[in-house]
Amino acid sequence: MAELLPIGSSAPDFSLETEQGVMIKLHDFIGKKNVVLAFYPKDDTPG
C-alpha cells in the first residue's frame, strides 16, 4: 500500500496519459491553473 500524504500537504509530481494519448505532468500546471485532485476507493467496482 502506498504511503498516505498528510492533510494539507502538496501532491507529489506525477504524469499520466490523457484519453488522446498526450502525456501531462502535474508540474505543467504550476502558476497556470488551480488543480483539484480527487481520490476515491473502489473505482469501477460494485463497492
PDB file of N, CA and C in Angstrom:
ATOM      1  N   MET A   1       0.848  -1.187   0.000  1.00  0.00           N
ATOM      2  CA  MET A   1       0.000   0.000   0.000  1.00  0.00           C
ATOM      3  C   MET A   1       0.888   1.242   0.000  1.00  0.00           C
ATOM      4  N   ALA A   2       0.481   2.246  -0.739  1.00  0.00           N
ATOM      5  CA  ALA A   2       1.243   3.484  -0.831  1.00  0.00           C
ATOM      6  C   ALA A   2       1.149   4.268   0.478  1.00  0.00           C
ATOM      7  N   GLU A   3       2.170   5.054   0.728  1.00  0.00           N
ATOM      8  CA  GLU A   3       2.193   5.895   1.921  1.00  0.00           C
ATOM      9  C   GLU A   3       1.173   7.019   1.781  1.00  0.00           C
ATOM     10  N   LEU A   4       0.432   7.291   2.843  1.00  0.00           N
ATOM     11  CA  LEU A   4      -0.558   8.365   2.825  1.00  0.00           C
ATOM     12  C   LEU A   4       0.117   9.713   3.001  1.00  0.00           C
ATOM     13  N   LEU A   5      -0.421  10.725   2.335  1.00  0.00           N
ATOM     14  CA  LEU A   5       0.084  12.092   2.483  1.00  0.00           C
ATOM     15  C   LEU A   5      -0.631  12.769   3.647  1.00  0.00           C
ATOM     16  N   PRO A   6       0.089  13.575   4.397  1.00  0.00           N
ATOM     17  CA  PRO A   6      -0.576  14.338   5.468  1.00  0.00           C
ATOM     18  C   PRO A   6      -1.572  15.339   4.874  1.00  0.00           C
ATOM     19  N   ILE A   7      -2.655  15.561   5.569  1.00  0.00           N
ATOM     20  CA  ILE A   7      -3.658  16.531   5.121  1.00  0.00           C
ATOM     21  C   ILE A   7      -3.002  17.889   4.949  1.00  0.00           C
ATOM     22  N   GLY A   8      -3.282  18.555   3.829  1.00  0.00           N
ATOM     23  CA  GLY A   8      -2.752  19.882   3.548  1.00  0.00           C
ATOM     24  C   GLY A   8      -1.406  19.878   2.863  1.00  0.00           C
ATOM     25  N   SER A   9      -0.817  18.716   2.658  1.00  0.00           N
ATOM     26  CA  SER A   9       0.493  18.662   2.001  1.00  0.00           C
ATOM     27  C   SER A   9       0.334  18.758   0.485  1.00  0.00           C
ATOM     28  N   SER A  10       1.412  19.096  -0.174  1.00  0.00           N
ATOM     29  CA  SER A  10       1.404  19.180  -1.636  1.00  0.00           C
ATOM     30  C   SER A  10       1.464  17.781  -2.232  1.00  0.00           C
ATOM     31  N   ALA A  11       0.800  17.607  -3.339  1.00  0.00           N
ATOM     32  CA  ALA A  11       0.838  16.318  -4.043  1.00  0.00           C
ATOM     33  C   ALA A  11       2.201  16.145  -4.700  1.00  0.00           C
ATOM     34  N   PRO A  12       2.713  14.942  -4.718  1.00  0.00           N
ATOM     35  CA  PRO A  12       3.971  14.703  -5.431  1.00  0.00           C
ATOM     36  C   PRO A  12       3.740  14.849  -6.934  1.00  0.00           C
ATOM     37  N   ASP A  13       4.768  15.226  -7.644  1.00  0.00           N
ATOM     38  CA  ASP A  13       4.633  15.361  -9.092  1.00  0.00           C
ATOM     39  C   ASP A  13       4.366  13.986  -9.697  1.00  0.00           C
ATOM     40  N   PHE A  14       3.497  13.941 -10.682  1.00  0.00           N
ATOM     41  CA  PHE A  14       3.208  12.694 -11.375  1.00  0.00           C
ATOM     42  C   PHE A  14       2.853  13.015 -12.817  1.00  0.00           C
ATOM     43  N   SER A  15       2.875  12.012 -13.657  1.00  0.00           N
ATOM     44  CA  SER A  15       2.469  12.180 -15.043  1.00  0.00           C
ATOM     45  C   SER A  15       1.464  11.097 -15.390  1.00  0.00           C
ATOM     46  N   LEU A  16       0.642  11.380 -16.392  1.00  0.00           N
ATOM     47  CA  LEU A  16      -0.332  10.415 -16.869  1.00  0.00           C
ATOM     48  C   LEU A  16      -0.658  10.706 -18.321  1.00  0.00           C
ATOM     49  N   GLU A  17      -1.248   9.716 -18.951  1.00  0.00           N
ATOM     50  CA  GLU A  17      -1.616   9.844 -20.358  1.00  0.00           C
ATOM     51  C   GLU A  17      -3.100  10.157 -20.454  1.00  0.00           C
ATOM     52  N   THR A  18      -3.450  11.166 -21.244  1.00  0.00           N
ATOM     53  CA  THR A  18      -4.847  11.523 -21.450  1.00  0.00           C
ATOM     54  C   THR A  18      -5.495  10.525 -22.402  1.00  0.00           C
ATOM     55  N   GLU A  19      -6.802  10.628 -22.540  1.00  0.00           N
ATOM     56  CA  GLU A  19      -7.523   9.763 -23.477  1.00  0.00           C
ATOM     57  C   GLU A  19      -7.066   9.972 -24.914  1.00  0.00           C
ATOM     58  N   GLN A  20      -6.487  11.149 -25.190  1.00  0.00           N
ATOM     59  CA  GLN A  20      -5.995  11.457 -26.529  1.00  0.00           C
ATOM     60  C   GLN A  20      -4.558  10.996 -26.740  1.00  0.00           C
ATOM     61  N   GLY A  21      -3.948  10.383 -25.734  1.00  0.00           N
ATOM     62  CA  GLY A  21      -2.584   9.888 -25.856  1.00  0.00           C
ATOM     63  C   GLY A  21      -1.496  10.909 -25.548  1.00  0.00           C
ATOM     64  N   VAL A  22      -1.873  12.054 -24.969  1.00  0.00           N
ATOM     65  CA  VAL A  22      -0.919  13.111 -24.644  1.00  0.00           C
ATOM     66  C   VAL A  22      -0.472  12.928 -23.191  1.00  0.00           C
ATOM     67  N   MET A  23       0.837  12.958 -22.945  1.00  0.00           N
ATOM     68  CA  MET A  23       1.349  12.856 -21.579  1.00  0.00           C
ATOM     69  C   MET A  23       1.305  14.243 -20.934  1.00  0.00           C
ATOM     70  N   ILE A  24       0.737  14.318 -19.733  1.00  0.00           N
ATOM     71  CA  ILE A  24       0.724  15.569 -18.979  1.00  0.00           C
ATOM     72  C   ILE A  24       1.338  15.300 -17.608  1.00  0.00           C
ATOM     73  N   LYS A  25       1.904  16.354 -17.020  1.00  0.00           N
ATOM     74  CA  LYS A  25       2.525  16.255 -15.706  1.00  0.00           C
ATOM     75  C   LYS A  25       1.911  17.304 -14.799  1.00  0.00           C
ATOM     76  N   LEU A  26       1.810  16.977 -13.538  1.00  0.00           N
ATOM     77  CA  LEU A  26       1.229  17.922 -12.594  1.00  0.00           C
ATOM     78  C   LEU A  26       1.993  19.236 -12.608  1.00  0.00           C
ATOM     79  N   HIS A  27       3.320  19.185 -12.689  1.00  0.00           N
ATOM     80  CA  HIS A  27       4.090  20.438 -12.641  1.00  0.00           C
ATOM     81  C   HIS A  27       3.856  21.316 -13.874  1.00  0.00           C
ATOM     82  N   ASP A  28       3.227  20.784 -14.925  1.00  0.00           N
ATOM     83  CA  ASP A  28       2.882  21.600 -16.101  1.00  0.00           C
ATOM     84  C   ASP A  28       1.869  22.690 -15.743  1.00  0.00           C
ATOM     85  N   PHE A  29       1.156  22.518 -14.631  1.00  0.00           N
ATOM     86  CA  PHE A  29       0.098  23.454 -14.259  1.00  0.00           C
ATOM     87  C   PHE A  29       0.525  24.470 -13.202  1.00  0.00           C
ATOM     88  N   ILE A  30       1.752  24.394 -12.734  1.00  0.00           N
ATOM     89  CA  ILE A  30       2.221  25.327 -11.708  1.00  0.00           C
ATOM     90  C   ILE A  30       2.114  26.762 -12.221  1.00  0.00           C
ATOM     91  N   GLY A  31       1.421  27.601 -11.471  1.00  0.00           N
ATOM     92  CA  GLY A  31       1.269  29.009 -11.819  1.00  0.00           C
ATOM     93  C   GLY A  31       0.284  29.287 -12.938  1.00  0.00           C
ATOM     94  N   LYS A  32      -0.371  28.257 -13.470  1.00  0.00           N
ATOM     95  CA  LYS A  32      -1.288  28.457 -14.591  1.00  0.00           C
ATOM     96  C   LYS A  32      -2.747  28.300 -14.204  1.00  0.00           C
ATOM     97  N   LYS A  33      -3.056  27.278 -13.428  1.00  0.00           N
ATOM     98  CA  LYS A  33      -4.447  26.970 -13.108  1.00  0.00           C
ATOM     99  C   LYS A  33      -4.538  26.384 -11.714  1.00  0.00           C
ATOM    100  N   ASN A  34      -5.731  26.392 -11.183  1.00  0.00           N
ATOM    101  CA  ASN A  34      -5.990  25.628  -9.969  1.00  0.00           C
ATOM    102  C   ASN A  34      -6.207  24.184 -10.384  1.00  0.00           C
ATOM    103  N   VAL A  35      -5.662  23.277  -9.627  1.00  0.00           N
ATOM    104  CA  VAL A  35      -5.813  21.857  -9.928  1.00  0.00           C
ATOM    105  C   VAL A  35      -6.464  21.188  -8.729  1.00  0.00           C
ATOM    106  N   VAL A  36      -7.509  20.432  -8.975  1.00  0.00           N
ATOM    107  CA  VAL A  36      -8.179  19.680  -7.927  1.00  0.00           C
ATOM    108  C   VAL A  36      -7.963  18.203  -8.208  1.00  0.00           C
ATOM    109  N   LEU A  37      -7.394  17.503  -7.240  1.00  0.00           N
ATOM    110  CA  LEU A  37      -7.187  16.067  -7.362  1.00  0.00           C
ATOM    111  C   LEU A  37      -8.194  15.371  -6.459  1.00  0.00           C
ATOM    112  N   ALA A  38      -8.913  14.433  -7.003  1.00  0.00           N
ATOM    113  CA  ALA A  38      -9.871  13.671  -6.199  1.00  0.00           C
ATOM    114  C   ALA A  38      -9.476  12.210  -6.233  1.00  0.00           C
ATOM    115  N   PHE A  39      -9.356  11.625  -5.071  1.00  0.00           N
ATOM    116  CA  PHE A  39      -9.019  10.220  -4.950  1.00  0.00           C
ATOM    117  C   PHE A  39     -10.167   9.526  -4.234  1.00  0.00           C
ATOM    118  N   TYR A  40     -10.595   8.418  -4.756  1.00  0.00           N
ATOM    119  CA  TYR A  40     -11.677   7.706  -4.103  1.00  0.00           C
ATOM    120  C   TYR A  40     -11.456   6.200  -4.266  1.00  0.00           C
ATOM    121  N   PRO A  41     -11.875   5.421  -3.282  1.00  0.00           N
ATOM    122  CA  PRO A  41     -11.662   3.979  -3.322  1.00  0.00           C
ATOM    123  C   PRO A  41     -12.668   3.270  -4.225  1.00  0.00           C
ATOM    124  N   LYS A  42     -12.303   2.120  -4.625  1.00  0.00           N
ATOM    125  CA  LYS A  42     -13.198   1.193  -5.319  1.00  0.00           C
ATOM    126  C   LYS A  42     -13.687   1.693  -6.663  1.00  0.00           C
ATOM    127  N   ASP A  43     -12.873   2.399  -7.412  1.00  0.00           N
ATOM    128  CA  ASP A  43     -13.244   2.841  -8.750  1.00  0.00           C
ATOM    129  C   ASP A  43     -13.553   1.631  -9.623  1.00  0.00           C
ATOM    130  N   ASP A  44     -14.589   1.718 -10.383  1.00  0.00           N
ATOM    131  CA  ASP A  44     -15.009   0.644 -11.306  1.00  0.00           C
ATOM    132  C   ASP A  44     -15.264  -0.676 -10.603  1.00  0.00           C
ATOM    133  N   THR A  45     -15.762  -0.625  -9.371  1.00  0.00           N
ATOM    134  CA  THR A  45     -16.138  -1.838  -8.652  1.00  0.00           C
ATOM    135  C   THR A  45     -17.568  -1.659  -8.142  1.00  0.00           C
ATOM    136  N   PRO A  46     -18.230  -2.735  -7.788  1.00  0.00           N
ATOM    137  CA  PRO A  46     -19.585  -2.596  -7.271  1.00  0.00           C
ATOM    138  C   PRO A  46     -19.648  -2.039  -5.850  1.00  0.00           C
ATOM    139  N   GLY A  47     -18.479  -1.832  -5.210  1.00  0.00           N
ATOM    140  CA  GLY A  47     -18.456  -1.384  -3.804  1.00  0.00           C
ATOM    141  C   GLY A  47     -18.755   0.030  -3.575  1.00  0.00           C
TER     142      GLY A  47
END
